[in-house]
Amino acid sequence: MELKETIDLMLSDNRKDRLKAEYWQTKARLEKLHTYISKLEAGGEPDVDDSVDVLQAQYTAMNEYLYFLELRMKMYGFLAAE
C-alpha cells in the first residue's frame, strides 16, 4: 500500500482505522528504508551524508515496532494469524 492511500484512514476518528494506517505507513517506510540500505551496501551513493550503521539501527527499531503493530492488527482480525 502506498502512503497516499492511507490518508483517509489516518484522518479517521476511528482508532482502528488509524491503527491500520499506522501499520501500512510503517510497513511502506520500512520497505523503502531496506531498499535504501541495500543500495548503499552495494556501493551506491547516499542521498545525503547517511551512516549505514545508523540506518541499520533505525531499521531494527522500526522492524520491532512493526512487529507490535502487526500483533495488534491480528488481534483485531485485520491480518490473518499465522
C-alpha atoms as a PDB file:
ATOM      1  CA  MET A   1       0.000   0.000   0.000  1.00  0.00           C
ATOM      2  CA  GLU A   2       1.287   3.454  -0.884  1.00  0.00           C
ATOM      3  CA  LEU A   3       1.474   6.151   1.800  1.00  0.00           C
ATOM      4  CA  LYS A   4      -1.021   8.342  -0.062  1.00  0.00           C
ATOM      5  CA  GLU A   5      -3.566   5.521   0.120  1.00  0.00           C
ATOM      6  CA  THR A   6      -3.558   5.708   3.944  1.00  0.00           C
ATOM      7  CA  ILE A   7      -4.587   9.364   4.260  1.00  0.00           C
ATOM      8  CA  ASP A   8      -8.304   8.749   4.830  1.00  0.00           C
ATOM      9  CA  LEU A   9      -7.541   6.046   7.403  1.00  0.00           C
ATOM     10  CA  MET A  10      -5.073   8.309   9.224  1.00  0.00           C
ATOM     11  CA  LEU A  11      -7.585  11.155   9.407  1.00  0.00           C
ATOM     12  CA  SER A  12     -10.398   8.914  10.636  1.00  0.00           C
ATOM     13  CA  ASP A  13     -11.976   9.378  14.058  1.00  0.00           C
ATOM     14  CA  ASN A  14     -11.942   5.577  14.366  1.00  0.00           C
ATOM     15  CA  ARG A  15      -8.885   4.343  16.275  1.00  0.00           C
ATOM     16  CA  LYS A  16      -8.902   1.034  14.409  1.00  0.00           C
ATOM     17  CA  ASP A  17      -8.701   2.855  11.089  1.00  0.00           C
ATOM     18  CA  ARG A  18      -5.773   4.896  12.433  1.00  0.00           C
ATOM     19  CA  LEU A  19      -4.080   1.652  13.534  1.00  0.00           C
ATOM     20  CA  LYS A  20      -4.443   0.296  10.000  1.00  0.00           C
ATOM     21  CA  ALA A  21      -2.928   3.484   8.584  1.00  0.00           C
ATOM     22  CA  GLU A  22      -0.040   3.405  11.059  1.00  0.00           C
ATOM     23  CA  TYR A  23       0.686  -0.227  10.230  1.00  0.00           C
ATOM     24  CA  TRP A  24       0.642   0.279   6.447  1.00  0.00           C
ATOM     25  CA  GLN A  25       2.668   3.522   6.689  1.00  0.00           C
ATOM     26  CA  THR A  26       5.312   1.917   8.881  1.00  0.00           C
ATOM     27  CA  LYS A  27       5.487  -1.136   6.603  1.00  0.00           C
ATOM     28  CA  ALA A  28       5.924   1.052   3.499  1.00  0.00           C
ATOM     29  CA  ARG A  29       8.603   3.180   5.159  1.00  0.00           C
ATOM     30  CA  LEU A  30      10.446   0.093   6.390  1.00  0.00           C
ATOM     31  CA  GLU A  31      10.485  -1.395   2.896  1.00  0.00           C
ATOM     32  CA  LYS A  32      11.837   1.868   1.442  1.00  0.00           C
ATOM     33  CA  LEU A  33      14.497   2.057   4.148  1.00  0.00           C
ATOM     34  CA  HIS A  34      15.527  -1.537   3.416  1.00  0.00           C
ATOM     35  CA  THR A  35      15.847  -0.729  -0.283  1.00  0.00           C
ATOM     36  CA  TYR A  36      17.969   2.335   0.502  1.00  0.00           C
ATOM     37  CA  ILE A  37      20.260   0.418   2.861  1.00  0.00           C
ATOM     38  CA  SER A  38      20.704  -2.322   0.253  1.00  0.00           C
ATOM     39  CA  LYS A  39      21.624   0.318  -2.335  1.00  0.00           C
ATOM     40  CA  LEU A  40      24.258   1.801  -0.012  1.00  0.00           C
ATOM     41  CA  GLU A  41      25.687  -1.609   0.891  1.00  0.00           C
ATOM     42  CA  ALA A  42      26.029  -2.370  -2.817  1.00  0.00           C
ATOM     43  CA  GLY A  43      28.220   0.720  -3.202  1.00  0.00           C
ATOM     44  CA  GLY A  44      25.559   3.240  -4.188  1.00  0.00           C
ATOM     45  CA  GLU A  45      25.895   6.905  -3.360  1.00  0.00           C
ATOM     46  CA  PRO A  46      23.908   8.148  -0.366  1.00  0.00           C
ATOM     47  CA  ASP A  47      21.227  10.796  -0.934  1.00  0.00           C
ATOM     48  CA  VAL A  48      22.740  12.762   1.952  1.00  0.00           C
ATOM     49  CA  ASP A  49      25.594  12.093   4.358  1.00  0.00           C
ATOM     50  CA  ASP A  50      23.987   8.923   5.782  1.00  0.00           C
ATOM     51  CA  SER A  51      25.665   6.369   8.007  1.00  0.00           C
ATOM     52  CA  VAL A  52      24.732   2.791   7.123  1.00  0.00           C
ATOM     53  CA  ASP A  53      25.195   1.821  10.783  1.00  0.00           C
ATOM     54  CA  VAL A  54      22.645   4.412  11.909  1.00  0.00           C
ATOM     55  CA  LEU A  55      20.240   3.425   9.144  1.00  0.00           C
ATOM     56  CA  GLN A  56      20.536  -0.248  10.129  1.00  0.00           C
ATOM     57  CA  ALA A  57      19.822   0.638  13.768  1.00  0.00           C
ATOM     58  CA  GLN A  58      16.794   2.625  12.630  1.00  0.00           C
ATOM     59  CA  TYR A  59      15.666  -0.353  10.527  1.00  0.00           C
ATOM     60  CA  THR A  60      15.945  -2.667  13.532  1.00  0.00           C
ATOM     61  CA  ALA A  61      13.885  -0.326  15.725  1.00  0.00           C
ATOM     62  CA  MET A  62      11.241   0.184  13.049  1.00  0.00           C
ATOM     63  CA  ASN A  63      11.027  -3.553  12.395  1.00  0.00           C
ATOM     64  CA  GLU A  64      10.422  -4.222  16.079  1.00  0.00           C
ATOM     65  CA  TYR A  65       7.748  -1.505  16.174  1.00  0.00           C
ATOM     66  CA  LEU A  66       6.099  -3.013  13.099  1.00  0.00           C
ATOM     67  CA  TYR A  67       6.039  -6.383  14.878  1.00  0.00           C
ATOM     68  CA  PHE A  68       3.890  -4.923  17.672  1.00  0.00           C
ATOM     69  CA  LEU A  69       1.616  -3.124  15.227  1.00  0.00           C
ATOM     70  CA  GLU A  70       1.203  -6.447  13.418  1.00  0.00           C
ATOM     71  CA  LEU A  71       0.230  -8.170  16.679  1.00  0.00           C
ATOM     72  CA  ARG A  72      -2.451  -5.542  17.248  1.00  0.00           C
ATOM     73  CA  MET A  73      -3.680  -5.874  13.665  1.00  0.00           C
ATOM     74  CA  LYS A  74      -4.032  -9.645  14.194  1.00  0.00           C
ATOM     75  CA  MET A  75      -5.863  -9.108  17.489  1.00  0.00           C
ATOM     76  CA  TYR A  76      -8.496  -7.087  15.658  1.00  0.00           C
ATOM     77  CA  GLY A  77      -8.644  -9.585  12.801  1.00  0.00           C
ATOM     78  CA  PHE A  78      -7.216  -7.181  10.209  1.00  0.00           C
ATOM     79  CA  LEU A  79      -4.409  -9.614   9.382  1.00  0.00           C
ATOM     80  CA  ALA A  80      -4.560 -13.388   9.322  1.00  0.00           C
ATOM     81  CA  ALA A  81      -2.859 -15.051  12.260  1.00  0.00           C
ATOM     82  CA  GLU A  82      -0.084 -17.385  11.171  1.00  0.00           C
END
